[in-house]
Amino acid sequence: MRYLLTLCIALAAAGVQAETYRWTDSGGRTVISDTPPAGKATGVVKLGGKPEASDGLSFATKRAMELFPVTLYTSADCVAECKNARDLLSGRGTPFTEKMLQKPEDFEELKQLVGDVFIPSIKVGKQNFRGFEAGAYNNLLDLAGYPKSTAKTVSGESK
């Protein structure tokens, strides 16, 4: 009887997943807590726990986002190649941050990342690629664990 009770408690505890939040407070400090931030916090990221159905992202996408965030570096005068890069990321359903280079420090950040100012450039986790080449972008995203395409449902069928 004790063994059965212990087993039930262990199984119940294993099913519980803690939710944690990471954010930057108004003083610029990174905070990790089990309660969501109050007041002015930036860069709030929910870690662990059960995936939220409301955002429509798969578990694989959420996991890849946590481990390998995607940043696309663009500029105002980059039209065709930047559009192609955005379209590829959007077509795969890959959440990304677009950083449009405007200030000297933005250009310096990109120069440190890829060696020079080359638009578009992409950063996936700690890996990067300068320019736009669909095969290279897809390779970086595949290695990071991002799904190859979004799972869209039409009339109850997965497409």
C-alpha atoms as a PDB file:
ATOM      1  CA  MET A   1       0.000   0.000   0.000  1.00  0.00           C
ATOM      2  CA  ARG A   2       2.817   2.411   0.879  1.00  0.00           C
ATOM      3  CA  TYR A   3       4.547   1.550  -2.380  1.00  0.00           C
ATOM      4  CA  LEU A   4       1.393   2.389  -4.343  1.00  0.00           C
ATOM      5  CA  LEU A   5       0.940   5.699  -2.498  1.00  0.00           C
ATOM      6  CA  THR A   6       4.591   6.622  -3.083  1.00  0.00           C
ATOM      7  CA  LEU A   7       4.274   5.742  -6.760  1.00  0.00           C
ATOM      8  CA  CYS A   8       1.130   7.906  -7.136  1.00  0.00           C
ATOM      9  CA  ILE A   9       2.828  10.880  -5.481  1.00  0.00           C
ATOM     10  CA  ALA A  10       5.934  10.475  -7.662  1.00  0.00           C
ATOM     11  CA  LEU A  11       3.845  10.304 -10.838  1.00  0.00           C
ATOM     12  CA  ALA A  12       1.821  13.347  -9.831  1.00  0.00           C
ATOM     13  CA  ALA A  13       4.972  15.321  -9.083  1.00  0.00           C
ATOM     14  CA  ALA A  14       6.522  14.322 -12.410  1.00  0.00           C
ATOM     15  CA  GLY A  15       3.505  15.717 -14.258  1.00  0.00           C
ATOM     16  CA  VAL A  16       3.901  19.163 -12.697  1.00  0.00           C
ATOM     17  CA  GLN A  17       5.952  21.556 -14.803  1.00  0.00           C
ATOM     18  CA  ALA A  18       7.080  24.810 -13.261  1.00  0.00           C
ATOM     19  CA  GLU A  19       6.579  27.991 -15.250  1.00  0.00           C
ATOM     20  CA  THR A  20       9.314  30.576 -15.017  1.00  0.00           C
ATOM     21  CA  TYR A  21       9.643  34.031 -16.487  1.00  0.00           C
ATOM     22  CA  ARG A  22      12.738  35.956 -17.556  1.00  0.00           C
ATOM     23  CA  TRP A  23      12.714  39.722 -18.058  1.00  0.00           C
ATOM     24  CA  THR A  24      14.744  42.890 -17.732  1.00  0.00           C
ATOM     25  CA  ASP A  25      13.549  45.256 -15.014  1.00  0.00           C
ATOM     26  CA  SER A  26      13.590  49.066 -15.156  1.00  0.00           C
ATOM     27  CA  GLY A  27      17.094  49.064 -13.609  1.00  0.00           C
ATOM     28  CA  GLY A  28      18.457  46.923 -16.447  1.00  0.00           C
ATOM     29  CA  ARG A  29      18.818  43.773 -14.321  1.00  0.00           C
ATOM     30  CA  THR A  30      17.789  40.361 -15.691  1.00  0.00           C
ATOM     31  CA  VAL A  31      15.254  38.693 -13.415  1.00  0.00           C
ATOM     32  CA  ILE A  32      14.142  35.038 -13.431  1.00  0.00           C
ATOM     33  CA  SER A  33      11.071  34.262 -11.344  1.00  0.00           C
ATOM     34  CA  ASP A  34       8.111  31.898 -11.085  1.00  0.00           C
ATOM     35  CA  THR A  35       5.715  34.853 -11.136  1.00  0.00           C
ATOM     36  CA  PRO A  36       5.141  37.185 -14.095  1.00  0.00           C
ATOM     37  CA  PRO A  37       6.623  40.680 -13.852  1.00  0.00           C
ATOM     38  CA  ALA A  38       4.640  43.639 -12.589  1.00  0.00           C
ATOM     39  CA  GLY A  39       5.137  47.158 -13.843  1.00  0.00           C
ATOM     40  CA  LYS A  40       7.606  48.144 -16.518  1.00  0.00           C
ATOM     41  CA  ALA A  41       9.545  45.109 -17.682  1.00  0.00           C
ATOM     42  CA  THR A  42      11.063  44.517 -21.088  1.00  0.00           C
ATOM     43  CA  GLY A  43      11.890  41.329 -22.959  1.00  0.00           C
ATOM     44  CA  VAL A  44       9.498  39.117 -20.988  1.00  0.00           C
ATOM     45  CA  VAL A  45      10.030  35.461 -21.955  1.00  0.00           C
ATOM     46  CA  LYS A  46       8.017  32.576 -20.519  1.00  0.00           C
ATOM     47  CA  LEU A  47      10.210  29.516 -19.937  1.00  0.00           C
ATOM     48  CA  GLY A  48       9.134  25.953 -19.237  1.00  0.00           C
ATOM     49  CA  GLY A  49       5.628  24.954 -18.328  1.00  0.00           C
ATOM     50  CA  LYS A  50       2.976  23.864 -20.765  1.00  0.00           C
ATOM     51  CA  PRO A  51       2.834  25.529 -24.175  1.00  0.00           C
ATOM     52  CA  GLU A  52       0.135  28.140 -24.484  1.00  0.00           C
ATOM     53  CA  ALA A  53      -2.434  27.210 -27.111  1.00  0.00           C
ATOM     54  CA  SER A  54      -3.280  30.856 -27.762  1.00  0.00           C
ATOM     55  CA  ASP A  55      -0.062  31.694 -29.604  1.00  0.00           C
ATOM     56  CA  GLY A  56      -0.404  28.859 -32.129  1.00  0.00           C
ATOM     57  CA  LEU A  57       3.280  27.872 -31.948  1.00  0.00           C
ATOM     58  CA  SER A  58       4.332  24.243 -31.802  1.00  0.00           C
ATOM     59  CA  PHE A  59       6.384  22.904 -28.932  1.00  0.00           C
ATOM     60  CA  ALA A  60       9.359  22.451 -31.299  1.00  0.00           C
ATOM     61  CA  THR A  61       9.154  26.094 -32.363  1.00  0.00           C
ATOM     62  CA  LYS A  62       8.933  27.331 -28.790  1.00  0.00           C
ATOM     63  CA  ARG A  63      11.880  25.176 -27.758  1.00  0.00           C
ATOM     64  CA  ALA A  64      13.985  26.399 -30.691  1.00  0.00           C
ATOM     65  CA  MET A  65      13.032  30.005 -29.845  1.00  0.00           C
ATOM     66  CA  GLU A  66      14.299  29.568 -26.292  1.00  0.00           C
ATOM     67  CA  LEU A  67      17.586  27.970 -27.299  1.00  0.00           C
ATOM     68  CA  PHE A  68      18.272  29.619 -30.679  1.00  0.00           C
ATOM     69  CA  PRO A  69      16.535  32.986 -31.119  1.00  0.00           C
ATOM     70  CA  VAL A  70      16.540  34.346 -34.683  1.00  0.00           C
ATOM     71  CA  THR A  71      17.539  37.921 -35.560  1.00  0.00           C
ATOM     72  CA  LEU A  72      17.398  39.260 -39.112  1.00  0.00           C
ATOM     73  CA  TYR A  73      19.553  42.334 -39.785  1.00  0.00           C
ATOM     74  CA  THR A  74      18.152  44.631 -42.498  1.00  0.00           C
ATOM     75  CA  SER A  75      18.340  48.223 -43.671  1.00  0.00           C
ATOM     76  CA  ALA A  76      15.953  50.664 -45.325  1.00  0.00           C
ATOM     77  CA  ASP A  77      17.690  50.391 -48.708  1.00  0.00           C
ATOM     78  CA  CYS A  78      17.615  46.572 -48.762  1.00  0.00           C
ATOM     79  CA  VAL A  79      14.478  45.641 -50.680  1.00  0.00           C
ATOM     80  CA  ALA A  80      14.483  42.391 -52.671  1.00  0.00           C
ATOM     81  CA  GLU A  81      16.929  40.261 -50.651  1.00  0.00           C
ATOM     82  CA  CYS A  82      15.514  41.412 -47.298  1.00  0.00           C
ATOM     83  CA  LYS A  83      11.989  40.631 -48.507  1.00  0.00           C
ATOM     84  CA  ASN A  84      13.145  37.158 -49.589  1.00  0.00           C
ATOM     85  CA  ALA A  85      14.722  36.591 -46.172  1.00  0.00           C
ATOM     86  CA  ARG A  86      11.552  37.734 -44.366  1.00  0.00           C
ATOM     87  CA  ASP A  87       9.382  35.588 -46.639  1.00  0.00           C
ATOM     88  CA  LEU A  88      11.507  32.492 -45.994  1.00  0.00           C
ATOM     89  CA  LEU A  89      11.322  32.953 -42.215  1.00  0.00           C
ATOM     90  CA  SER A  90       7.588  33.694 -42.311  1.00  0.00           C
ATOM     91  CA  GLY A  91       6.935  30.786 -44.673  1.00  0.00           C
ATOM     92  CA  ARG A  92       8.540  28.389 -42.209  1.00  0.00           C
ATOM     93  CA  GLY A  93       6.589  29.948 -39.346  1.00  0.00           C
ATOM     94  CA  THR A  94       9.850  30.965 -37.678  1.00  0.00           C
ATOM     95  CA  PRO A  95       9.421  33.763 -35.121  1.00  0.00           C
ATOM     96  CA  PHE A  96      12.200  36.303 -35.576  1.00  0.00           C
ATOM     97  CA  THR A  97      13.311  39.760 -34.541  1.00  0.00           C
ATOM     98  CA  GLU A  98      14.122  42.145 -37.352  1.00  0.00           C
ATOM     99  CA  LYS A  99      16.799  44.667 -36.519  1.00  0.00           C
ATOM    100  CA  MET A 100      16.865  47.525 -38.991  1.00  0.00           C
ATOM    101  CA  LEU A 101      20.279  49.165 -38.943  1.00  0.00           C
ATOM    102  CA  GLN A 102      19.934  52.910 -38.378  1.00  0.00           C
ATOM    103  CA  LYS A 103      22.484  54.052 -35.800  1.00  0.00           C
ATOM    104  CA  PRO A 104      26.287  53.733 -35.885  1.00  0.00           C
ATOM    105  CA  GLU A 105      26.172  51.266 -32.967  1.00  0.00           C
ATOM    106  CA  ASP A 106      23.795  49.033 -34.984  1.00  0.00           C
ATOM    107  CA  PHE A 107      26.324  48.887 -37.816  1.00  0.00           C
ATOM    108  CA  GLU A 108      29.117  48.170 -35.347  1.00  0.00           C
ATOM    109  CA  GLU A 109      27.090  45.302 -33.816  1.00  0.00           C
ATOM    110  CA  LEU A 110      26.665  43.711 -37.244  1.00  0.00           C
ATOM    111  CA  LYS A 111      30.333  44.265 -38.071  1.00  0.00           C
ATOM    112  CA  GLN A 112      31.284  42.402 -34.870  1.00  0.00           C
ATOM    113  CA  LEU A 113      28.867  39.599 -35.771  1.00  0.00           C
ATOM    114  CA  VAL A 114      29.771  38.878 -39.408  1.00  0.00           C
ATOM    115  CA  GLY A 115      33.006  40.781 -39.982  1.00  0.00           C
ATOM    116  CA  ASP A 116      31.570  43.686 -41.969  1.00  0.00           C
ATOM    117  CA  VAL A 117      28.297  45.432 -42.707  1.00  0.00           C
ATOM    118  CA  PHE A 118      26.492  43.025 -45.012  1.00  0.00           C
ATOM    119  CA  ILE A 119      22.722  43.208 -45.434  1.00  0.00           C
ATOM    120  CA  PRO A 120      20.733  41.062 -44.959  1.00  0.00           C
ATOM    121  CA  SER A 121      22.424  38.952 -42.307  1.00  0.00           C
ATOM    122  CA  ILE A 122      20.872  36.417 -39.981  1.00  0.00           C
ATOM    123  CA  LYS A 123      21.783  35.198 -36.523  1.00  0.00           C
ATOM    124  CA  VAL A 124      20.332  31.906 -35.255  1.00  0.00           C
ATOM    125  CA  GLY A 125      21.469  31.318 -31.693  1.00  0.00           C
ATOM    126  CA  LYS A 126      25.243  31.833 -31.899  1.00  0.00           C
ATOM    127  CA  GLN A 127      25.502  30.986 -35.608  1.00  0.00           C
ATOM    128  CA  ASN A 128      25.252  33.602 -38.331  1.00  0.00           C
ATOM    129  CA  PHE A 129      25.242  34.014 -42.091  1.00  0.00           C
ATOM    130  CA  ARG A 130      25.805  37.134 -44.172  1.00  0.00           C
ATOM    131  CA  GLY A 131      23.706  37.774 -47.245  1.00  0.00           C
ATOM    132  CA  PHE A 132      20.668  35.817 -48.309  1.00  0.00           C
ATOM    133  CA  GLU A 133      20.874  32.255 -49.517  1.00  0.00           C
ATOM    134  CA  ALA A 134      17.777  30.142 -48.943  1.00  0.00           C
ATOM    135  CA  GLY A 135      19.770  26.931 -48.509  1.00  0.00           C
ATOM    136  CA  ALA A 136      22.024  28.447 -45.854  1.00  0.00           C
ATOM    137  CA  TYR A 137      19.090  29.986 -43.962  1.00  0.00           C
ATOM    138  CA  ASN A 138      17.177  26.680 -44.049  1.00  0.00           C
ATOM    139  CA  ASN A 139      20.270  24.802 -42.867  1.00  0.00           C
ATOM    140  CA  LEU A 140      20.721  27.104 -39.852  1.00  0.00           C
ATOM    141  CA  LEU A 141      17.027  26.825 -38.971  1.00  0.00           C
ATOM    142  CA  ASP A 142      17.045  23.020 -39.393  1.00  0.00           C
ATOM    143  CA  LEU A 143      20.091  22.667 -37.138  1.00  0.00           C
ATOM    144  CA  ALA A 144      18.393  24.856 -34.501  1.00  0.00           C
ATOM    145  CA  GLY A 145      15.320  22.598 -34.536  1.00  0.00           C
ATOM    146  CA  TYR A 146      12.826  24.929 -36.177  1.00  0.00           C
ATOM    147  CA  PRO A 147      10.095  23.039 -38.075  1.00  0.00           C
ATOM    148  CA  LYS A 148      10.487  23.060 -41.867  1.00  0.00           C
ATOM    149  CA  SER A 149       7.005  24.504 -42.339  1.00  0.00           C
ATOM    150  CA  THR A 150       4.010  25.624 -40.380  1.00  0.00           C
ATOM    151  CA  ALA A 151       1.305  23.035 -39.821  1.00  0.00           C
ATOM    152  CA  LYS A 152      -1.822  24.621 -41.217  1.00  0.00           C
ATOM    153  CA  THR A 153      -5.193  23.003 -40.878  1.00  0.00           C
ATOM    154  CA  VAL A 154      -7.775  23.129 -43.641  1.00  0.00           C
ATOM    155  CA  SER A 155     -11.142  21.431 -43.016  1.00  0.00           C
ATOM    156  CA  GLY A 156      -9.625  19.360 -40.227  1.00  0.00           C
ATOM    157  CA  GLU A 157      -6.781  18.039 -42.416  1.00  0.00           C
ATOM    158  CA  SER A 158      -3.158  18.825 -41.751  1.00  0.00           C
ATOM    159  CA  LYS A 159      -1.495  20.353 -44.752  1.00  0.00           C
END
